[in-house]
Structures are given as C-alpha cells and as structure tokens.
Amino acid sequence: MTAWFVTHAEPLVDPARPIGSWGLSSVGRARADAWRCPPGPVSASTERKAVETAERIAPGRPVTTSARLGEIDRSATGYLPPVEFEAVVTDFFDHPDEAVRGWERAVDAQERIVAAVREVTVGVGDTTIVSHGAVGALLLAALHGAPVSRRFLHPGMGSVFTFDPEAWRVTSGWRRLPLPPVAAATT
C-alpha cells in the first residue's frame, strides 16, 4: 500500500486576504497540471490552494476534504513578509512545545496531522493526500521516528513524498512535482 503526500503548488499570495482563501498562481496551476496522482482516493486540506491542487492532479475525481489536514494554525499573525515568516518558521521548528507568536504548537500540529493521515489511509489501498509543507515536515518526522525538525521541510511548494501507512514508514523522500518548460521560463 502506498500513500502520496503532496504539498499544494505555488499560491497567488494576497496579503489582504485570509491565507486559507488563496488560490493557485499560474505557475502553481501549471505545476499541478503537469502531474497526475495514481488511482485511488484523494483527500485534501480544506484550504483553497490545496483543494485546487488536488482537483488538478486528479481531474474529474472526487476530492474529500478535512480541516485536520490543514496547515499549522498561524491565524495569530496572518500573512507575514517572507523574511519575517522564515524566521518564525525556524522558531516554530526549534521550539515545538511553544506557541511561537501565537501559532499552533508543532507538537499539537504533528499529533493532528498524524491522526488525520491515519484516518484517511486506513483500509483504502493506495491514496493521495494534498496538504501543506509544515505539517508535511511534521508527518515526515513522525514517519522517521525523529524529533520535530525543519530539516524535514519540502524543497518547495508542489512537492511529494511516499510512505506505507500500514508499516508507517517512508518509501521515498521529497521530490518536486514537474514544472513544464513554458511555465518554468515565466518564473
């Protein structure tokens, strides 16, 4: 049994809108359109960028959504400029038992994503989960039996790793979803 954990592709960032309402950018749509998930159920976070990614990698197939597959709750700060965001992400991973800047604690987010993934993978055979980078790193750490660490973060938005949910072990590391040459030339 194989499960594919996919992070949403690049979103169209709009600091004036709630993060969960961001859709995919043109590059994100191109990246998602260039990859097809294997047969089997598809589950996604309820955030728009995750749902859009799921719909594009599994066109015409039903997508089941779950808020428990969502990204870490960072509503206490909302959008942060990239440099500030990266600093807070580092603190989040370095202090997993703390609610850094009011964000969900890493230990709580890890417990949530592990429970959600176990729930959507039980008894379904091969399956695809579309979610987010930080919770993907937390899941990957749990699958490795390792402490929470930023080293498990994906290499970029629109990445995938595989694991065996029955054996609870990683079967491949992160790799980026392909980006068509035309889309790559516009980035």
N, C-alpha and C. Protein backbone atom coordinates (compact mmCIF):
# COMPACT_ATOMS: atom_id res chain seq x y z
N MET A 1 0.85 -1.18 0.00
CA MET A 1 0.00 0.00 0.00
C MET A 1 0.90 1.24 0.00
N THR A 2 0.57 2.20 -0.85
CA THR A 2 1.35 3.43 -0.95
C THR A 2 0.44 4.64 -0.77
N ALA A 3 0.93 5.60 -0.01
CA ALA A 3 0.26 6.89 0.11
C ALA A 3 1.21 7.96 -0.40
N TRP A 4 0.66 8.87 -1.19
CA TRP A 4 1.41 10.01 -1.73
C TRP A 4 1.00 11.23 -0.91
N PHE A 5 1.96 11.91 -0.29
CA PHE A 5 1.68 13.15 0.44
C PHE A 5 2.20 14.29 -0.43
N VAL A 6 1.29 15.11 -0.91
CA VAL A 6 1.61 16.19 -1.85
C VAL A 6 1.37 17.53 -1.17
N THR A 7 2.33 18.45 -1.32
CA THR A 7 2.08 19.80 -0.83
C THR A 7 1.47 20.62 -1.97
N HIS A 8 0.57 21.52 -1.60
CA HIS A 8 -0.07 22.36 -2.62
C HIS A 8 1.00 23.07 -3.44
N ALA A 9 0.64 23.37 -4.68
CA ALA A 9 1.55 24.11 -5.56
C ALA A 9 1.53 25.60 -5.19
N GLU A 10 2.32 26.38 -5.91
CA GLU A 10 2.51 27.80 -5.59
C GLU A 10 1.19 28.58 -5.60
N PRO A 11 0.89 29.30 -4.51
CA PRO A 11 -0.34 30.08 -4.46
C PRO A 11 -0.15 31.49 -5.01
N LEU A 12 -1.26 32.13 -5.27
CA LEU A 12 -1.27 33.55 -5.61
C LEU A 12 -1.39 34.29 -4.27
N VAL A 13 -0.30 34.85 -3.79
CA VAL A 13 -0.26 35.48 -2.47
C VAL A 13 -0.97 36.83 -2.51
N ASP A 14 -1.91 37.00 -1.60
CA ASP A 14 -2.64 38.26 -1.46
C ASP A 14 -2.70 38.60 0.02
N PRO A 15 -1.77 39.42 0.52
CA PRO A 15 -1.72 39.73 1.95
C PRO A 15 -3.02 40.31 2.51
N ALA A 16 -3.88 40.84 1.66
CA ALA A 16 -5.14 41.43 2.12
C ALA A 16 -6.22 40.38 2.36
N ARG A 17 -5.98 39.15 1.92
CA ARG A 17 -6.99 38.09 2.06
C ARG A 17 -6.52 37.03 3.04
N PRO A 18 -7.45 36.31 3.68
CA PRO A 18 -7.05 35.22 4.57
C PRO A 18 -6.23 34.17 3.80
N ILE A 19 -5.20 33.65 4.42
CA ILE A 19 -4.29 32.71 3.77
C ILE A 19 -5.03 31.49 3.23
N GLY A 20 -6.01 30.99 3.97
CA GLY A 20 -6.75 29.81 3.53
C GLY A 20 -7.57 30.01 2.28
N SER A 21 -7.79 31.29 1.90
CA SER A 21 -8.59 31.57 0.70
C SER A 21 -7.74 31.77 -0.55
N TRP A 22 -6.42 31.72 -0.41
CA TRP A 22 -5.56 31.90 -1.58
C TRP A 22 -5.70 30.73 -2.53
N GLY A 23 -5.86 31.04 -3.81
CA GLY A 23 -5.87 30.00 -4.85
C GLY A 23 -4.48 29.83 -5.42
N LEU A 24 -4.38 29.03 -6.46
CA LEU A 24 -3.08 28.78 -7.10
C LEU A 24 -2.72 29.91 -8.05
N SER A 25 -1.44 30.18 -8.14
CA SER A 25 -0.92 31.12 -9.14
C SER A 25 -0.86 30.41 -10.49
N SER A 26 -0.52 31.12 -11.54
CA SER A 26 -0.40 30.47 -12.85
C SER A 26 0.70 29.41 -12.84
N VAL A 27 1.80 29.66 -12.13
CA VAL A 27 2.87 28.66 -12.03
C VAL A 27 2.37 27.46 -11.22
N GLY A 28 1.64 27.72 -10.14
CA GLY A 28 1.09 26.63 -9.34
C GLY A 28 0.12 25.77 -10.14
N ARG A 29 -0.72 26.42 -10.95
CA ARG A 29 -1.65 25.65 -11.79
C ARG A 29 -0.89 24.81 -12.80
N ALA A 30 0.15 25.38 -13.41
CA ALA A 30 0.95 24.63 -14.39
C ALA A 30 1.64 23.44 -13.74
N ARG A 31 2.20 23.65 -12.54
CA ARG A 31 2.88 22.56 -11.85
C ARG A 31 1.89 21.44 -11.53
N ALA A 32 0.73 21.80 -10.99
CA ALA A 32 -0.27 20.79 -10.63
C ALA A 32 -0.80 20.07 -11.88
N ASP A 33 -0.99 20.81 -12.96
CA ASP A 33 -1.49 20.20 -14.20
C ASP A 33 -0.50 19.21 -14.81
N ALA A 34 0.78 19.36 -14.49
CA ALA A 34 1.82 18.52 -15.10
C ALA A 34 1.99 17.17 -14.41
N TRP A 35 1.29 16.94 -13.30
CA TRP A 35 1.45 15.67 -12.56
C TRP A 35 0.08 15.04 -12.35
N ARG A 36 0.00 13.76 -12.47
CA ARG A 36 -1.24 13.04 -12.20
C ARG A 36 -1.01 12.09 -11.05
N CYS A 37 -1.90 12.14 -10.08
CA CYS A 37 -1.76 11.22 -8.96
C CYS A 37 -2.24 9.84 -9.39
N PRO A 38 -1.74 8.82 -8.74
CA PRO A 38 -2.15 7.45 -9.06
C PRO A 38 -3.62 7.21 -8.74
N PRO A 39 -4.18 6.12 -9.24
CA PRO A 39 -5.56 5.78 -8.90
C PRO A 39 -5.73 5.61 -7.39
N GLY A 40 -6.93 5.83 -6.93
CA GLY A 40 -7.23 5.69 -5.51
C GLY A 40 -7.85 6.96 -4.97
N PRO A 41 -8.30 6.92 -3.72
CA PRO A 41 -8.94 8.09 -3.12
C PRO A 41 -7.98 9.28 -3.04
N VAL A 42 -8.57 10.48 -3.06
CA VAL A 42 -7.80 11.72 -2.94
C VAL A 42 -8.43 12.53 -1.80
N SER A 43 -7.59 12.91 -0.84
CA SER A 43 -8.03 13.74 0.28
C SER A 43 -7.21 15.02 0.28
N ALA A 44 -7.82 16.09 0.77
CA ALA A 44 -7.11 17.38 0.79
C ALA A 44 -7.51 18.20 2.01
N SER A 45 -6.64 19.10 2.35
CA SER A 45 -6.94 20.15 3.32
C SER A 45 -8.11 20.97 2.75
N THR A 46 -8.81 21.66 3.61
CA THR A 46 -9.93 22.50 3.14
C THR A 46 -9.46 23.83 2.56
N GLU A 47 -8.17 24.15 2.69
CA GLU A 47 -7.68 25.41 2.14
C GLU A 47 -7.76 25.39 0.62
N ARG A 48 -8.14 26.52 0.05
CA ARG A 48 -8.39 26.61 -1.40
C ARG A 48 -7.21 26.13 -2.24
N LYS A 49 -5.99 26.53 -1.90
CA LYS A 49 -4.82 26.14 -2.70
C LYS A 49 -4.62 24.63 -2.69
N ALA A 50 -4.95 23.96 -1.58
CA ALA A 50 -4.82 22.50 -1.51
C ALA A 50 -5.92 21.83 -2.33
N VAL A 51 -7.14 22.32 -2.21
CA VAL A 51 -8.25 21.75 -2.98
C VAL A 51 -8.00 21.93 -4.48
N GLU A 52 -7.56 23.12 -4.89
CA GLU A 52 -7.27 23.35 -6.32
C GLU A 52 -6.16 22.43 -6.80
N THR A 53 -5.13 22.23 -5.99
CA THR A 53 -4.06 21.31 -6.38
C THR A 53 -4.62 19.91 -6.55
N ALA A 54 -5.42 19.45 -5.59
CA ALA A 54 -6.00 18.11 -5.66
C ALA A 54 -6.87 17.94 -6.91
N GLU A 55 -7.68 18.94 -7.20
CA GLU A 55 -8.56 18.85 -8.37
C GLU A 55 -7.75 18.80 -9.67
N ARG A 56 -6.59 19.43 -9.68
CA ARG A 56 -5.77 19.45 -10.90
C ARG A 56 -4.92 18.19 -11.06
N ILE A 57 -4.49 17.59 -9.97
CA ILE A 57 -3.68 16.36 -10.10
C ILE A 57 -4.57 15.13 -10.25
N ALA A 58 -5.87 15.29 -9.97
CA ALA A 58 -6.82 14.18 -10.09
C ALA A 58 -8.08 14.68 -10.80
N PRO A 59 -7.95 15.15 -12.05
CA PRO A 59 -9.10 15.76 -12.73
C PRO A 59 -10.28 14.80 -12.86
N GLY A 60 -11.46 15.32 -12.55
CA GLY A 60 -12.67 14.54 -12.68
C GLY A 60 -12.92 13.54 -11.56
N ARG A 61 -12.02 13.48 -10.60
CA ARG A 61 -12.19 12.54 -9.49
C ARG A 61 -12.69 13.28 -8.25
N PRO A 62 -13.44 12.60 -7.40
CA PRO A 62 -13.89 13.27 -6.17
C PRO A 62 -12.72 13.52 -5.23
N VAL A 63 -12.78 14.64 -4.54
CA VAL A 63 -11.78 15.00 -3.54
C VAL A 63 -12.49 15.17 -2.20
N THR A 64 -12.08 14.39 -1.22
CA THR A 64 -12.62 14.50 0.13
C THR A 64 -11.76 15.50 0.89
N THR A 65 -12.39 16.43 1.61
CA THR A 65 -11.62 17.42 2.35
C THR A 65 -11.74 17.22 3.85
N SER A 66 -10.70 17.64 4.54
CA SER A 66 -10.67 17.58 6.00
C SER A 66 -9.86 18.75 6.54
N ALA A 67 -10.44 19.50 7.45
CA ALA A 67 -9.72 20.61 8.08
C ALA A 67 -8.52 20.10 8.87
N ARG A 68 -8.56 18.86 9.32
CA ARG A 68 -7.45 18.30 10.09
C ARG A 68 -6.20 18.08 9.24
N LEU A 69 -6.35 18.11 7.91
CA LEU A 69 -5.20 18.03 7.02
C LEU A 69 -4.61 19.42 6.73
N GLY A 70 -5.15 20.43 7.40
CA GLY A 70 -4.73 21.81 7.15
C GLY A 70 -3.34 22.13 7.67
N GLU A 71 -2.86 23.28 7.21
CA GLU A 71 -1.54 23.77 7.62
C GLU A 71 -1.59 24.17 9.09
N ILE A 72 -0.42 24.40 9.66
CA ILE A 72 -0.38 24.87 11.05
C ILE A 72 -1.23 26.14 11.16
N ASP A 73 -1.90 26.27 12.29
CA ASP A 73 -2.73 27.46 12.51
C ASP A 73 -1.83 28.63 12.85
N ARG A 74 -1.73 29.55 11.93
CA ARG A 74 -0.93 30.75 12.16
C ARG A 74 -1.80 32.00 12.06
N SER A 75 -3.08 31.83 12.40
CA SER A 75 -4.02 32.95 12.32
C SER A 75 -3.67 34.08 13.29
N ALA A 76 -2.87 33.79 14.32
CA ALA A 76 -2.47 34.84 15.27
C ALA A 76 -1.67 35.94 14.59
N THR A 77 -0.96 35.59 13.52
CA THR A 77 -0.18 36.60 12.80
C THR A 77 -0.72 36.87 11.40
N GLY A 78 -1.42 35.91 10.82
CA GLY A 78 -1.83 36.06 9.43
C GLY A 78 -0.60 36.12 8.53
N TYR A 79 -0.74 36.79 7.41
CA TYR A 79 0.37 36.91 6.46
C TYR A 79 1.55 37.61 7.12
N LEU A 80 2.74 37.09 6.88
CA LEU A 80 3.98 37.75 7.30
C LEU A 80 4.87 37.90 6.07
N PRO A 81 5.60 39.01 5.94
CA PRO A 81 6.54 39.14 4.82
C PRO A 81 7.54 37.98 4.86
N PRO A 82 8.06 37.57 3.70
CA PRO A 82 8.89 36.36 3.61
C PRO A 82 10.03 36.25 4.62
N VAL A 83 10.81 37.29 4.83
CA VAL A 83 11.95 37.19 5.76
C VAL A 83 11.46 36.95 7.19
N GLU A 84 10.45 37.68 7.60
CA GLU A 84 9.88 37.50 8.93
C GLU A 84 9.23 36.12 9.06
N PHE A 85 8.51 35.70 8.03
CA PHE A 85 7.87 34.39 8.02
C PHE A 85 8.89 33.28 8.22
N GLU A 86 10.00 33.32 7.48
CA GLU A 86 11.02 32.28 7.59
C GLU A 86 11.62 32.23 8.99
N ALA A 87 11.81 33.38 9.61
CA ALA A 87 12.34 33.42 10.98
C ALA A 87 11.37 32.77 11.97
N VAL A 88 10.08 33.04 11.80
CA VAL A 88 9.08 32.45 12.69
C VAL A 88 8.97 30.94 12.44
N VAL A 89 9.08 30.52 11.19
CA VAL A 89 9.06 29.08 10.88
C VAL A 89 10.24 28.38 11.57
N THR A 90 11.40 29.00 11.53
CA THR A 90 12.57 28.42 12.21
C THR A 90 12.29 28.28 13.71
N ASP A 91 11.74 29.32 14.33
CA ASP A 91 11.39 29.25 15.75
C ASP A 91 10.35 28.17 16.02
N PHE A 92 9.37 28.05 15.13
CA PHE A 92 8.33 27.03 15.25
C PHE A 92 8.95 25.63 15.34
N PHE A 93 9.88 25.33 14.45
CA PHE A 93 10.52 24.02 14.46
C PHE A 93 11.52 23.86 15.60
N ASP A 94 12.20 24.94 15.97
CA ASP A 94 13.19 24.88 17.05
C ASP A 94 12.56 24.77 18.44
N HIS A 95 11.31 25.21 18.57
CA HIS A 95 10.62 25.21 19.87
C HIS A 95 9.25 24.55 19.72
N PRO A 96 9.22 23.23 19.46
CA PRO A 96 7.96 22.56 19.13
C PRO A 96 6.91 22.56 20.24
N ASP A 97 7.33 22.79 21.49
CA ASP A 97 6.38 22.81 22.60
C ASP A 97 5.84 24.20 22.91
N GLU A 98 6.24 25.18 22.10
CA GLU A 98 5.82 26.57 22.34
C GLU A 98 4.91 27.06 21.21
N ALA A 99 3.98 27.93 21.58
CA ALA A 99 3.11 28.58 20.60
C ALA A 99 3.83 29.85 20.13
N VAL A 100 4.78 29.68 19.25
CA VAL A 100 5.60 30.79 18.77
C VAL A 100 4.71 31.83 18.08
N ARG A 101 4.76 33.06 18.58
CA ARG A 101 3.95 34.18 18.05
C ARG A 101 2.46 33.85 18.00
N GLY A 102 2.01 32.92 18.84
CA GLY A 102 0.61 32.54 18.89
C GLY A 102 0.22 31.46 17.90
N TRP A 103 1.19 30.96 17.13
CA TRP A 103 0.92 29.88 16.17
C TRP A 103 0.62 28.58 16.93
N GLU A 104 -0.05 27.68 16.26
CA GLU A 104 -0.26 26.34 16.79
C GLU A 104 1.09 25.73 17.15
N ARG A 105 1.16 25.04 18.27
CA ARG A 105 2.41 24.39 18.65
C ARG A 105 2.72 23.24 17.69
N ALA A 106 3.99 23.05 17.39
CA ALA A 106 4.39 21.97 16.47
C ALA A 106 3.95 20.61 16.98
N VAL A 107 4.06 20.38 18.29
CA VAL A 107 3.66 19.07 18.83
C VAL A 107 2.17 18.82 18.64
N ASP A 108 1.36 19.86 18.75
CA ASP A 108 -0.09 19.71 18.55
C ASP A 108 -0.42 19.51 17.07
N ALA A 109 0.24 20.27 16.22
CA ALA A 109 0.02 20.13 14.77
C ALA A 109 0.46 18.75 14.30
N GLN A 110 1.55 18.24 14.86
CA GLN A 110 2.03 16.91 14.48
C GLN A 110 1.02 15.84 14.90
N GLU A 111 0.52 15.95 16.11
CA GLU A 111 -0.48 14.98 16.58
C GLU A 111 -1.71 15.01 15.67
N ARG A 112 -2.13 16.21 15.29
CA ARG A 112 -3.32 16.37 14.43
C ARG A 112 -3.10 15.78 13.05
N ILE A 113 -1.96 16.10 12.40
CA ILE A 113 -1.74 15.62 11.04
C ILE A 113 -1.54 14.11 11.03
N VAL A 114 -0.86 13.56 12.02
CA VAL A 114 -0.68 12.10 12.09
C VAL A 114 -2.04 11.42 12.23
N ALA A 115 -2.88 11.91 13.13
CA ALA A 115 -4.21 11.31 13.31
C ALA A 115 -5.05 11.43 12.04
N ALA A 116 -5.00 12.60 11.39
CA ALA A 116 -5.78 12.80 10.16
C ALA A 116 -5.30 11.87 9.05
N VAL A 117 -3.99 11.74 8.90
CA VAL A 117 -3.44 10.87 7.85
C VAL A 117 -3.78 9.42 8.13
N ARG A 118 -3.66 9.00 9.37
CA ARG A 118 -4.03 7.61 9.71
C ARG A 118 -5.50 7.36 9.38
N GLU A 119 -6.34 8.34 9.66
CA GLU A 119 -7.77 8.20 9.40
C GLU A 119 -8.07 8.07 7.91
N VAL A 120 -7.46 8.90 7.07
CA VAL A 120 -7.79 8.87 5.63
C VAL A 120 -7.10 7.73 4.89
N THR A 121 -6.12 7.07 5.52
CA THR A 121 -5.42 5.99 4.82
C THR A 121 -5.85 4.60 5.26
N VAL A 122 -6.62 4.49 6.31
CA VAL A 122 -6.98 3.17 6.82
C VAL A 122 -7.91 2.43 5.85
N GLY A 123 -7.48 1.26 5.42
CA GLY A 123 -8.31 0.38 4.63
C GLY A 123 -8.70 0.85 3.24
N VAL A 124 -7.97 1.82 2.67
CA VAL A 124 -8.38 2.34 1.36
C VAL A 124 -7.44 1.96 0.23
N GLY A 125 -6.34 1.29 0.52
CA GLY A 125 -5.37 0.99 -0.53
C GLY A 125 -4.56 2.23 -0.86
N ASP A 126 -4.06 2.29 -2.08
CA ASP A 126 -3.25 3.45 -2.49
C ASP A 126 -4.10 4.72 -2.41
N THR A 127 -3.50 5.79 -1.93
CA THR A 127 -4.24 7.04 -1.75
C THR A 127 -3.32 8.24 -1.87
N THR A 128 -3.90 9.39 -2.18
CA THR A 128 -3.15 10.64 -2.29
C THR A 128 -3.73 11.65 -1.31
N ILE A 129 -2.83 12.36 -0.62
CA ILE A 129 -3.21 13.39 0.34
C ILE A 129 -2.57 14.69 -0.11
N VAL A 130 -3.37 15.74 -0.26
CA VAL A 130 -2.84 17.05 -0.64
C VAL A 130 -2.97 17.97 0.58
N SER A 131 -1.83 18.46 1.03
CA SER A 131 -1.82 19.24 2.26
C SER A 131 -0.79 20.37 2.15
N HIS A 132 0.04 20.53 3.16
CA HIS A 132 0.90 21.71 3.29
C HIS A 132 2.29 21.34 3.76
N GLY A 133 3.23 22.26 3.56
CA GLY A 133 4.64 21.99 3.83
C GLY A 133 5.01 21.77 5.29
N ALA A 134 4.56 22.64 6.19
CA ALA A 134 4.97 22.49 7.59
C ALA A 134 4.40 21.22 8.20
N VAL A 135 3.11 20.94 7.97
CA VAL A 135 2.55 19.70 8.52
C VAL A 135 3.13 18.48 7.80
N GLY A 136 3.52 18.64 6.54
CA GLY A 136 4.21 17.56 5.84
C GLY A 136 5.53 17.23 6.51
N ALA A 137 6.26 18.27 6.93
CA ALA A 137 7.52 18.06 7.65
C ALA A 137 7.28 17.37 8.99
N LEU A 138 6.21 17.75 9.67
CA LEU A 138 5.88 17.12 10.95
C LEU A 138 5.50 15.66 10.76
N LEU A 139 4.75 15.37 9.69
CA LEU A 139 4.39 13.98 9.38
C LEU A 139 5.64 13.18 9.04
N LEU A 140 6.50 13.73 8.22
CA LEU A 140 7.73 13.04 7.81
C LEU A 140 8.60 12.73 9.03
N ALA A 141 8.71 13.66 9.97
CA ALA A 141 9.47 13.41 11.20
C ALA A 141 8.85 12.24 11.97
N ALA A 142 7.52 12.23 12.08
CA ALA A 142 6.84 11.13 12.78
C ALA A 142 7.07 9.80 12.08
N LEU A 143 7.00 9.80 10.76
CA LEU A 143 7.24 8.56 10.00
C LEU A 143 8.66 8.04 10.20
N HIS A 144 9.60 8.95 10.36
CA HIS A 144 11.00 8.57 10.61
C HIS A 144 11.26 8.25 12.08
N GLY A 145 10.28 8.53 12.95
CA GLY A 145 10.51 8.36 14.38
C GLY A 145 11.53 9.34 14.91
N ALA A 146 11.60 10.51 14.30
CA ALA A 146 12.61 11.52 14.63
C ALA A 146 11.96 12.73 15.30
N PRO A 147 12.75 13.52 16.00
CA PRO A 147 12.21 14.75 16.59
C PRO A 147 11.78 15.74 15.51
N VAL A 148 10.88 16.63 15.89
CA VAL A 148 10.45 17.71 15.00
C VAL A 148 11.69 18.49 14.56
N SER A 149 11.78 18.74 13.26
CA SER A 149 12.94 19.46 12.73
C SER A 149 12.60 20.09 11.39
N ARG A 150 13.15 21.26 11.18
CA ARG A 150 12.97 21.95 9.90
C ARG A 150 13.61 21.16 8.75
N ARG A 151 14.55 20.26 9.06
CA ARG A 151 15.23 19.51 8.00
C ARG A 151 14.27 18.62 7.20
N PHE A 152 13.06 18.39 7.72
CA PHE A 152 12.09 17.57 7.01
C PHE A 152 11.18 18.38 6.08
N LEU A 153 11.40 19.70 6.00
CA LEU A 153 10.57 20.53 5.11
C LEU A 153 10.76 20.15 3.65
N HIS A 154 9.72 20.35 2.89
CA HIS A 154 9.75 20.08 1.45
C HIS A 154 10.72 21.03 0.74
N PRO A 155 11.18 20.66 -0.46
CA PRO A 155 12.11 21.52 -1.19
C PRO A 155 11.43 22.72 -1.86
N GLY A 156 10.13 22.76 -1.84
CA GLY A 156 9.38 23.86 -2.43
C GLY A 156 7.93 23.47 -2.57
N MET A 157 7.07 24.45 -2.78
CA MET A 157 5.65 24.16 -2.95
C MET A 157 5.44 23.28 -4.17
N GLY A 158 4.51 22.34 -4.05
CA GLY A 158 4.31 21.38 -5.13
C GLY A 158 5.37 20.29 -5.06
N SER A 159 5.45 19.62 -3.92
CA SER A 159 6.39 18.51 -3.72
C SER A 159 5.63 17.30 -3.22
N VAL A 160 6.25 16.12 -3.31
CA VAL A 160 5.59 14.88 -2.92
C VAL A 160 6.60 13.92 -2.29
N PHE A 161 6.14 13.18 -1.30
CA PHE A 161 6.88 12.02 -0.81
C PHE A 161 5.90 10.87 -0.67
N THR A 162 6.41 9.65 -0.61
CA THR A 162 5.54 8.49 -0.46
C THR A 162 5.86 7.77 0.84
N PHE A 163 4.85 7.08 1.34
CA PHE A 163 5.03 6.29 2.56
C PHE A 163 4.04 5.13 2.55
N ASP A 164 4.34 4.14 3.37
CA ASP A 164 3.47 2.99 3.56
C ASP A 164 2.72 3.21 4.87
N PRO A 165 1.42 3.53 4.81
CA PRO A 165 0.69 3.84 6.03
C PRO A 165 0.47 2.62 6.94
N GLU A 166 0.48 1.42 6.37
CA GLU A 166 0.31 0.23 7.21
C GLU A 166 1.58 -0.05 8.01
N ALA A 167 2.73 0.02 7.36
CA ALA A 167 4.01 -0.20 8.04
C ALA A 167 4.49 1.06 8.76
N TRP A 168 3.87 2.18 8.45
CA TRP A 168 4.22 3.51 8.98
C TRP A 168 5.70 3.79 8.76
N ARG A 169 6.06 3.77 7.45
CA ARG A 169 7.45 4.04 7.09
C ARG A 169 7.50 4.79 5.77
N VAL A 170 8.51 5.62 5.63
CA VAL A 170 8.74 6.40 4.42
C VAL A 170 9.26 5.49 3.32
N THR A 171 8.75 5.67 2.10
CA THR A 171 9.25 4.88 0.96
C THR A 171 9.97 5.74 -0.07
N SER A 172 9.84 7.06 0.02
CA SER A 172 10.65 7.96 -0.81
C SER A 172 10.72 9.31 -0.12
N GLY A 173 11.80 10.04 -0.39
CA GLY A 173 11.92 11.39 0.14
C GLY A 173 11.16 12.38 -0.72
N TRP A 174 11.23 13.63 -0.32
CA TRP A 174 10.57 14.69 -1.09
C TRP A 174 11.15 14.79 -2.49
N ARG A 175 10.30 15.08 -3.45
CA ARG A 175 10.73 15.47 -4.79
C ARG A 175 9.71 16.48 -5.31
N ARG A 176 10.17 17.40 -6.12
CA ARG A 176 9.27 18.42 -6.67
C ARG A 176 8.39 17.81 -7.75
N LEU A 177 7.16 18.29 -7.84
CA LEU A 177 6.32 17.96 -8.98
C LEU A 177 6.94 18.69 -10.17
N PRO A 178 6.82 18.12 -11.37
CA PRO A 178 7.45 18.76 -12.53
C PRO A 178 6.81 20.10 -12.86
N LEU A 179 7.59 20.94 -13.48
CA LEU A 179 7.09 22.22 -13.97
C LEU A 179 7.35 22.25 -15.47
N PRO A 180 6.30 22.38 -16.28
CA PRO A 180 6.50 22.39 -17.73
C PRO A 180 7.48 23.49 -18.14
N PRO A 181 8.26 23.28 -19.21
CA PRO A 181 9.26 24.26 -19.64
C PRO A 181 8.70 25.67 -19.86
N VAL A 182 7.51 25.78 -20.42
CA VAL A 182 6.93 27.11 -20.68
C VAL A 182 6.68 27.83 -19.36
N ALA A 183 6.12 27.13 -18.37
CA ALA A 183 5.86 27.74 -17.07
C ALA A 183 7.16 28.07 -16.36
N ALA A 184 8.15 27.20 -16.48
CA ALA A 184 9.45 27.45 -15.83
C ALA A 184 10.10 28.71 -16.39
N ALA A 185 9.91 28.97 -17.66
CA ALA A 185 10.52 30.15 -18.29
C ALA A 185 9.89 31.44 -17.79
N THR A 186 8.68 31.38 -17.24
CA THR A 186 8.00 32.59 -16.78
C THR A 186 8.22 32.86 -15.30
N THR A 187 8.90 31.96 -14.59
CA THR A 187 9.10 32.16 -13.14
C THR A 187 10.29 33.03 -12.85
